[in-house]
Amino acid sequence: MTSRLEHYIAEGKTLDADEREIAALSLRQIDEERQAEVDAAWDETINRRLDELLSGKVEAVSGRETIAIARARAAARRK
């Protein structure tokens, strides 16, 4: 943690409950332009993956199978 961040946190602790809540909400917000970029990227990914699934280019795999594959790959990398 940087000293600058430590300073902001220390200053934040001096705020009353309402001020802390407002500060926390403000820090969590992403500006609208950036949010639009994030949403567009997700829309593109979702549409691409759906097209791949519907066209048969990829095959659906259950969550359990996905976890098993990931664990097997992780174990192979550790060897």
PDB file of N, CA and C in Angstrom:
ATOM      1  N   MET A   1       0.852  -1.161   0.000  1.00  0.00           N
ATOM      2  CA  MET A   1       0.000   0.000   0.000  1.00  0.00           C
ATOM      3  C   MET A   1       0.906   1.235   0.000  1.00  0.00           C
ATOM      4  N   THR A   2       0.583   2.179  -0.840  1.00  0.00           N
ATOM      5  CA  THR A   2       1.391   3.396  -0.921  1.00  0.00           C
ATOM      6  C   THR A   2       1.087   4.314   0.254  1.00  0.00           C
ATOM      7  N   SER A   3       2.027   5.195   0.542  1.00  0.00           N
ATOM      8  CA  SER A   3       1.797   6.147   1.638  1.00  0.00           C
ATOM      9  C   SER A   3       0.639   7.077   1.293  1.00  0.00           C
ATOM     10  N   ARG A   4       0.473   7.361   0.009  1.00  0.00           N
ATOM     11  CA  ARG A   4      -0.650   8.215  -0.415  1.00  0.00           C
ATOM     12  C   ARG A   4      -1.984   7.548  -0.074  1.00  0.00           C
ATOM     13  N   LEU A   5      -2.069   6.252  -0.379  1.00  0.00           N
ATOM     14  CA  LEU A   5      -3.295   5.517  -0.080  1.00  0.00           C
ATOM     15  C   LEU A   5      -3.512   5.419   1.428  1.00  0.00           C
ATOM     16  N   GLU A   6      -2.454   5.161   2.154  1.00  0.00           N
ATOM     17  CA  GLU A   6      -2.552   5.108   3.622  1.00  0.00           C
ATOM     18  C   GLU A   6      -3.086   6.422   4.171  1.00  0.00           C
ATOM     19  N   HIS A   7      -2.611   7.525   3.590  1.00  0.00           N
ATOM     20  CA  HIS A   7      -3.070   8.850   4.024  1.00  0.00           C
ATOM     21  C   HIS A   7      -4.572   9.007   3.766  1.00  0.00           C
ATOM     22  N   TYR A   8      -5.020   8.622   2.558  1.00  0.00           N
ATOM     23  CA  TYR A   8      -6.447   8.740   2.229  1.00  0.00           C
ATOM     24  C   TYR A   8      -7.303   7.882   3.157  1.00  0.00           C
ATOM     25  N   ILE A   9      -6.838   6.699   3.457  1.00  0.00           N
ATOM     26  CA  ILE A   9      -7.592   5.820   4.351  1.00  0.00           C
ATOM     27  C   ILE A   9      -7.673   6.425   5.744  1.00  0.00           C
ATOM     28  N   ALA A  10      -6.555   6.943   6.230  1.00  0.00           N
ATOM     29  CA  ALA A  10      -6.543   7.572   7.553  1.00  0.00           C
ATOM     30  C   ALA A  10      -7.486   8.764   7.586  1.00  0.00           C
ATOM     31  N   GLU A  11      -7.459   9.565   6.536  1.00  0.00           N
ATOM     32  CA  GLU A  11      -8.362  10.717   6.459  1.00  0.00           C
ATOM     33  C   GLU A  11      -9.816  10.247   6.382  1.00  0.00           C
ATOM     34  N   GLY A  12     -10.047   9.176   5.647  1.00  0.00           N
ATOM     35  CA  GLY A  12     -11.401   8.661   5.524  1.00  0.00           C
ATOM     36  C   GLY A  12     -11.975   8.198   6.851  1.00  0.00           C
ATOM     37  N   LYS A  13     -11.123   7.693   7.711  1.00  0.00           N
ATOM     38  CA  LYS A  13     -11.581   7.232   9.024  1.00  0.00           C
ATOM     39  C   LYS A  13     -12.025   8.387   9.917  1.00  0.00           C
ATOM     40  N   THR A  14     -11.657   9.605   9.566  1.00  0.00           N
ATOM     41  CA  THR A  14     -12.078  10.761  10.369  1.00  0.00           C
ATOM     42  C   THR A  14     -13.469  11.259   9.962  1.00  0.00           C
ATOM     43  N   LEU A  15     -13.987  10.739   8.852  1.00  0.00           N
ATOM     44  CA  LEU A  15     -15.310  11.163   8.382  1.00  0.00           C
ATOM     45  C   LEU A  15     -16.400  10.532   9.230  1.00  0.00           C
ATOM     46  N   ASP A  16     -17.560  11.207   9.253  1.00  0.00           N
ATOM     47  CA  ASP A  16     -18.680  10.591   9.961  1.00  0.00           C
ATOM     48  C   ASP A  16     -19.294   9.517   9.061  1.00  0.00           C
ATOM     49  N   ALA A  17     -20.233   8.767   9.582  1.00  0.00           N
ATOM     50  CA  ALA A  17     -20.792   7.616   8.861  1.00  0.00           C
ATOM     51  C   ALA A  17     -21.388   8.002   7.518  1.00  0.00           C
ATOM     52  N   ASP A  18     -22.137   9.104   7.471  1.00  0.00           N
ATOM     53  CA  ASP A  18     -22.748   9.535   6.209  1.00  0.00           C
ATOM     54  C   ASP A  18     -21.683   9.911   5.183  1.00  0.00           C
ATOM     55  N   GLU A  19     -20.652  10.616   5.618  1.00  0.00           N
ATOM     56  CA  GLU A  19     -19.587  11.019   4.708  1.00  0.00           C
ATOM     57  C   GLU A  19     -18.818   9.804   4.189  1.00  0.00           C
ATOM     58  N   ARG A  20     -18.590   8.816   5.045  1.00  0.00           N
ATOM     59  CA  ARG A  20     -17.902   7.595   4.617  1.00  0.00           C
ATOM     60  C   ARG A  20     -18.733   6.842   3.576  1.00  0.00           C
ATOM     61  N   GLU A  21     -20.037   6.804   3.795  1.00  0.00           N
ATOM     62  CA  GLU A  21     -20.901   6.115   2.838  1.00  0.00           C
ATOM     63  C   GLU A  21     -20.871   6.813   1.485  1.00  0.00           C
ATOM     64  N   ILE A  22     -20.951   8.134   1.487  1.00  0.00           N
ATOM     65  CA  ILE A  22     -20.900   8.894   0.239  1.00  0.00           C
ATOM     66  C   ILE A  22     -19.560   8.684  -0.458  1.00  0.00           C
ATOM     67  N   ALA A  23     -18.470   8.721   0.311  1.00  0.00           N
ATOM     68  CA  ALA A  23     -17.140   8.510  -0.270  1.00  0.00           C
ATOM     69  C   ALA A  23     -17.022   7.109  -0.867  1.00  0.00           C
ATOM     70  N   ALA A  24     -17.510   6.121  -0.147  1.00  0.00           N
ATOM     71  CA  ALA A  24     -17.425   4.736  -0.635  1.00  0.00           C
ATOM     72  C   ALA A  24     -18.221   4.566  -1.925  1.00  0.00           C
ATOM     73  N   LEU A  25     -19.415   5.127  -1.970  1.00  0.00           N
ATOM     74  CA  LEU A  25     -20.227   5.023  -3.178  1.00  0.00           C
ATOM     75  C   LEU A  25     -19.567   5.738  -4.348  1.00  0.00           C
ATOM     76  N   SER A  26     -18.965   6.875  -4.080  1.00  0.00           N
ATOM     77  CA  SER A  26     -18.284   7.629  -5.137  1.00  0.00           C
ATOM     78  C   SER A  26     -17.092   6.847  -5.683  1.00  0.00           C
ATOM     79  N   LEU A  27     -16.352   6.194  -4.811  1.00  0.00           N
ATOM     80  CA  LEU A  27     -15.182   5.430  -5.236  1.00  0.00           C
ATOM     81  C   LEU A  27     -15.576   4.194  -6.042  1.00  0.00           C
ATOM     82  N   ARG A  28     -16.736   3.657  -5.775  1.00  0.00           N
ATOM     83  CA  ARG A  28     -17.184   2.443  -6.469  1.00  0.00           C
ATOM     84  C   ARG A  28     -17.742   2.744  -7.851  1.00  0.00           C
ATOM     85  N   GLN A  29     -18.116   3.985  -8.097  1.00  0.00           N
ATOM     86  CA  GLN A  29     -18.722   4.323  -9.382  1.00  0.00           C
ATOM     87  C   GLN A  29     -17.677   4.376 -10.477  1.00  0.00           C
ATOM     88  N   ILE A  30     -18.061   3.887 -11.634  1.00  0.00           N
ATOM     89  CA  ILE A  30     -17.210   3.971 -12.816  1.00  0.00           C
ATOM     90  C   ILE A  30     -17.851   5.011 -13.717  1.00  0.00           C
ATOM     91  N   ASP A  31     -17.045   5.811 -14.373  1.00  0.00           N
ATOM     92  CA  ASP A  31     -17.664   6.854 -15.185  1.00  0.00           C
ATOM     93  C   ASP A  31     -18.458   6.232 -16.327  1.00  0.00           C
ATOM     94  N   GLU A  32     -19.451   6.960 -16.806  1.00  0.00           N
ATOM     95  CA  GLU A  32     -20.393   6.417 -17.785  1.00  0.00           C
ATOM     96  C   GLU A  32     -19.715   6.000 -19.085  1.00  0.00           C
ATOM     97  N   GLU A  33     -18.729   6.761 -19.531  1.00  0.00           N
ATOM     98  CA  GLU A  33     -18.034   6.424 -20.778  1.00  0.00           C
ATOM     99  C   GLU A  33     -17.298   5.097 -20.636  1.00  0.00           C
ATOM    100  N   ARG A  34     -16.597   4.937 -19.523  1.00  0.00           N
ATOM    101  CA  ARG A  34     -15.859   3.694 -19.282  1.00  0.00           C
ATOM    102  C   ARG A  34     -16.832   2.526 -19.141  1.00  0.00           C
ATOM    103  N   GLN A  35     -17.954   2.747 -18.468  1.00  0.00           N
ATOM    104  CA  GLN A  35     -18.946   1.691 -18.310  1.00  0.00           C
ATOM    105  C   GLN A  35     -19.500   1.271 -19.655  1.00  0.00           C
ATOM    106  N   ALA A  36     -19.707   2.227 -20.554  1.00  0.00           N
ATOM    107  CA  ALA A  36     -20.206   1.907 -21.894  1.00  0.00           C
ATOM    108  C   ALA A  36     -19.194   1.037 -22.641  1.00  0.00           C
ATOM    109  N   GLU A  37     -17.898   1.322 -22.473  1.00  0.00           N
ATOM    110  CA  GLU A  37     -16.858   0.503 -23.100  1.00  0.00           C
ATOM    111  C   GLU A  37     -16.873  -0.921 -22.549  1.00  0.00           C
ATOM    112  N   VAL A  38     -16.999  -1.027 -21.233  1.00  0.00           N
ATOM    113  CA  VAL A  38     -17.036  -2.342 -20.584  1.00  0.00           C
ATOM    114  C   VAL A  38     -18.260  -3.123 -21.062  1.00  0.00           C
ATOM    115  N   ASP A  39     -19.412  -2.472 -21.090  1.00  0.00           N
ATOM    116  CA  ASP A  39     -20.640  -3.130 -21.533  1.00  0.00           C
ATOM    117  C   ASP A  39     -20.529  -3.588 -22.986  1.00  0.00           C
ATOM    118  N   ALA A  40     -19.949  -2.753 -23.841  1.00  0.00           N
ATOM    119  CA  ALA A  40     -19.796  -3.107 -25.257  1.00  0.00           C
ATOM    120  C   ALA A  40     -18.875  -4.315 -25.417  1.00  0.00           C
ATOM    121  N   ALA A  41     -17.803  -4.343 -24.639  1.00  0.00           N
ATOM    122  CA  ALA A  41     -16.876  -5.484 -24.709  1.00  0.00           C
ATOM    123  C   ALA A  41     -17.570  -6.765 -24.266  1.00  0.00           C
ATOM    124  N   TRP A  42     -18.355  -6.684 -23.200  1.00  0.00           N
ATOM    125  CA  TRP A  42     -19.084  -7.876 -22.740  1.00  0.00           C
ATOM    126  C   TRP A  42     -20.114  -8.305 -23.776  1.00  0.00           C
ATOM    127  N   ASP A  43     -20.831  -7.349 -24.379  1.00  0.00           N
ATOM    128  CA  ASP A  43     -21.813  -7.685 -25.405  1.00  0.00           C
ATOM    129  C   ASP A  43     -21.145  -8.423 -26.566  1.00  0.00           C
ATOM    130  N   GLU A  44     -19.972  -7.940 -26.976  1.00  0.00           N
ATOM    131  CA  GLU A  44     -19.243  -8.582 -28.068  1.00  0.00           C
ATOM    132  C   GLU A  44     -18.845 -10.011 -27.696  1.00  0.00           C
ATOM    133  N   THR A  45     -18.347 -10.188 -26.492  1.00  0.00           N
ATOM    134  CA  THR A  45     -17.929 -11.518 -26.042  1.00  0.00           C
ATOM    135  C   THR A  45     -19.121 -12.463 -25.950  1.00  0.00           C
ATOM    136  N   ILE A  46     -20.202 -11.987 -25.375  1.00  0.00           N
ATOM    137  CA  ILE A  46     -21.406 -12.821 -25.235  1.00  0.00           C
ATOM    138  C   ILE A  46     -21.931 -13.237 -26.603  1.00  0.00           C
ATOM    139  N   ASN A  47     -22.024 -12.283 -27.527  1.00  0.00           N
ATOM    140  CA  ASN A  47     -22.533 -12.596 -28.864  1.00  0.00           C
ATOM    141  C   ASN A  47     -21.623 -13.579 -29.590  1.00  0.00           C
ATOM    142  N   ARG A  48     -20.298 -13.397 -29.478  1.00  0.00           N
ATOM    143  CA  ARG A  48     -19.355 -14.312 -30.126  1.00  0.00           C
ATOM    144  C   ARG A  48     -19.494 -15.718 -29.561  1.00  0.00           C
ATOM    145  N   ARG A  49     -19.561 -15.820 -28.241  1.00  0.00           N
ATOM    146  CA  ARG A  49     -19.663 -17.144 -27.620  1.00  0.00           C
ATOM    147  C   ARG A  49     -20.988 -17.819 -27.945  1.00  0.00           C
ATOM    148  N   LEU A  50     -22.058 -17.049 -27.981  1.00  0.00           N
ATOM    149  CA  LEU A  50     -23.353 -17.619 -28.333  1.00  0.00           C
ATOM    150  C   LEU A  50     -23.346 -18.104 -29.776  1.00  0.00           C
ATOM    151  N   ASP A  51     -22.767 -17.300 -30.680  1.00  0.00           N
ATOM    152  CA  ASP A  51     -22.662 -17.724 -32.082  1.00  0.00           C
ATOM    153  C   ASP A  51     -21.857 -19.010 -32.200  1.00  0.00           C
ATOM    154  N   GLU A  52     -20.749 -19.113 -31.467  1.00  0.00           N
ATOM    155  CA  GLU A  52     -19.923 -20.326 -31.504  1.00  0.00           C
ATOM    156  C   GLU A  52     -20.699 -21.539 -31.008  1.00  0.00           C
ATOM    157  N   LEU A  53     -21.500 -21.347 -29.977  1.00  0.00           N
ATOM    158  CA  LEU A  53     -22.285 -22.447 -29.428  1.00  0.00           C
ATOM    159  C   LEU A  53     -23.390 -22.870 -30.395  1.00  0.00           C
ATOM    160  N   LEU A  54     -24.129 -21.888 -30.915  1.00  0.00           N
ATOM    161  CA  LEU A  54     -25.246 -22.200 -31.807  1.00  0.00           C
ATOM    162  C   LEU A  54     -24.774 -22.782 -33.137  1.00  0.00           C
ATOM    163  N   SER A  55     -23.606 -22.387 -33.609  1.00  0.00           N
ATOM    164  CA  SER A  55     -23.102 -22.890 -34.895  1.00  0.00           C
ATOM    165  C   SER A  55     -22.474 -24.275 -34.761  1.00  0.00           C
ATOM    166  N   GLY A  56     -22.246 -24.718 -33.531  1.00  0.00           N
ATOM    167  CA  GLY A  56     -21.611 -26.009 -33.315  1.00  0.00           C
ATOM    168  C   GLY A  56     -20.093 -25.945 -33.313  1.00  0.00           C
ATOM    169  N   LYS A  57     -19.559 -24.745 -33.427  1.00  0.00           N
ATOM    170  CA  LYS A  57     -18.097 -24.581 -33.411  1.00  0.00           C
ATOM    171  C   LYS A  57     -17.510 -25.028 -32.080  1.00  0.00           C
ATOM    172  N   VAL A  58     -18.254 -24.813 -31.010  1.00  0.00           N
ATOM    173  CA  VAL A  58     -17.843 -25.278 -29.687  1.00  0.00           C
ATOM    174  C   VAL A  58     -18.967 -26.116 -29.101  1.00  0.00           C
ATOM    175  N   GLU A  59     -18.601 -26.960 -28.164  1.00  0.00           N
ATOM    176  CA  GLU A  59     -19.581 -27.826 -27.509  1.00  0.00           C
ATOM    177  C   GLU A  59     -19.743 -27.379 -26.061  1.00  0.00           C
ATOM    178  N   ALA A  60     -20.968 -27.350 -25.594  1.00  0.00           N
ATOM    179  CA  ALA A  60     -21.232 -26.970 -24.203  1.00  0.00           C
ATOM    180  C   ALA A  60     -20.652 -28.021 -23.261  1.00  0.00           C
ATOM    181  N   VAL A  61     -20.104 -27.556 -22.159  1.00  0.00           N
ATOM    182  CA  VAL A  61     -19.510 -28.435 -21.156  1.00  0.00           C
ATOM    183  C   VAL A  61     -20.145 -28.073 -19.815  1.00  0.00           C
ATOM    184  N   SER A  62     -20.479 -29.073 -19.016  1.00  0.00           N
ATOM    185  CA  SER A  62     -21.100 -28.797 -17.726  1.00  0.00           C
ATOM    186  C   SER A  62     -20.103 -28.107 -16.797  1.00  0.00           C
ATOM    187  N   GLY A  63     -20.624 -27.447 -15.795  1.00  0.00           N
ATOM    188  CA  GLY A  63     -19.774 -26.781 -14.811  1.00  0.00           C
ATOM    189  C   GLY A  63     -18.846 -27.750 -14.122  1.00  0.00           C
ATOM    190  N   ARG A  64     -19.355 -28.915 -13.761  1.00  0.00           N
ATOM    191  CA  ARG A  64     -18.519 -29.930 -13.100  1.00  0.00           C
ATOM    192  C   ARG A  64     -17.387 -30.397 -14.005  1.00  0.00           C
ATOM    193  N   GLU A  65     -17.704 -30.590 -15.263  1.00  0.00           N
ATOM    194  CA  GLU A  65     -16.679 -31.023 -16.205  1.00  0.00           C
ATOM    195  C   GLU A  65     -15.635 -29.924 -16.405  1.00  0.00           C
ATOM    196  N   THR A  66     -16.078 -28.686 -16.461  1.00  0.00           N
ATOM    197  CA  THR A  66     -15.160 -27.559 -16.599  1.00  0.00           C
ATOM    198  C   THR A  66     -14.186 -27.502 -15.427  1.00  0.00           C
ATOM    199  N   ILE A  67     -14.697 -27.682 -14.226  1.00  0.00           N
ATOM    200  CA  ILE A  67     -13.844 -27.676 -13.032  1.00  0.00           C
ATOM    201  C   ILE A  67     -12.854 -28.834 -13.079  1.00  0.00           C
ATOM    202  N   ALA A  68     -13.321 -30.004 -13.495  1.00  0.00           N
ATOM    203  CA  ALA A  68     -12.439 -31.167 -13.588  1.00  0.00           C
ATOM    204  C   ALA A  68     -11.319 -30.927 -14.596  1.00  0.00           C
ATOM    205  N   ILE A  69     -11.657 -30.334 -15.729  1.00  0.00           N
ATOM    206  CA  ILE A  69     -10.647 -30.025 -16.748  1.00  0.00           C
ATOM    207  C   ILE A  69      -9.633 -29.029 -16.193  1.00  0.00           C
ATOM    208  N   ALA A  70     -10.118 -27.980 -15.532  1.00  0.00           N
ATOM    209  CA  ALA A  70      -9.219 -26.963 -14.970  1.00  0.00           C
ATOM    210  C   ALA A  70      -8.292 -27.572 -13.922  1.00  0.00           C
ATOM    211  N   ARG A  71      -8.832 -28.434 -13.083  1.00  0.00           N
ATOM    212  CA  ARG A  71      -7.999 -29.080 -12.058  1.00  0.00           C
ATOM    213  C   ARG A  71      -6.942 -29.983 -12.693  1.00  0.00           C
ATOM    214  N   ALA A  72      -7.323 -30.708 -13.721  1.00  0.00           N
ATOM    215  CA  ALA A  72      -6.374 -31.591 -14.394  1.00  0.00           C
ATOM    216  C   ALA A  72      -5.259 -30.778 -15.052  1.00  0.00           C
ATOM    217  N   ARG A  73      -5.615 -29.671 -15.689  1.00  0.00           N
ATOM    218  CA  ARG A  73      -4.598 -28.827 -16.327  1.00  0.00           C
ATOM    219  C   ARG A  73      -3.672 -28.208 -15.282  1.00  0.00           C
ATOM    220  N   ALA A  74      -4.242 -27.760 -14.167  1.00  0.00           N
ATOM    221  CA  ALA A  74      -3.416 -27.177 -13.089  1.00  0.00           C
ATOM    222  C   ALA A  74      -2.468 -28.221 -12.523  1.00  0.00           C
ATOM    223  N   ALA A  75      -2.961 -29.447 -12.325  1.00  0.00           N
ATOM    224  CA  ALA A  75      -2.112 -30.520 -11.794  1.00  0.00           C
ATOM    225  C   ALA A  75      -0.982 -30.843 -12.777  1.00  0.00           C
ATOM    226  N   ALA A  76      -1.280 -30.861 -14.070  1.00  0.00           N
ATOM    227  CA  ALA A  76      -0.262 -31.155 -15.086  1.00  0.00           C
ATOM    228  C   ALA A  76       0.820 -30.080 -15.092  1.00  0.00           C
ATOM    229  N   ARG A  77       0.457 -28.834 -14.862  1.00  0.00           N
ATOM    230  CA  ARG A  77       1.442 -27.742 -14.840  1.00  0.00           C
ATOM    231  C   ARG A  77       2.346 -27.814 -13.632  1.00  0.00           C
ATOM    232  N   ARG A  78       1.843 -28.372 -12.544  1.00  0.00           N
ATOM    233  CA  ARG A  78       2.643 -28.468 -11.320  1.00  0.00           C
ATOM    234  C   ARG A  78       3.708 -29.556 -11.418  1.00  0.00           C
ATOM    235  N   LYS A  79       3.538 -30.477 -12.346  1.00  0.00           N
ATOM    236  CA  LYS A  79       4.470 -31.624 -12.466  1.00  0.00           C
ATOM    237  C   LYS A  79       5.757 -31.222 -13.131  1.00  0.00           C
TER     238      LYS A  79
END
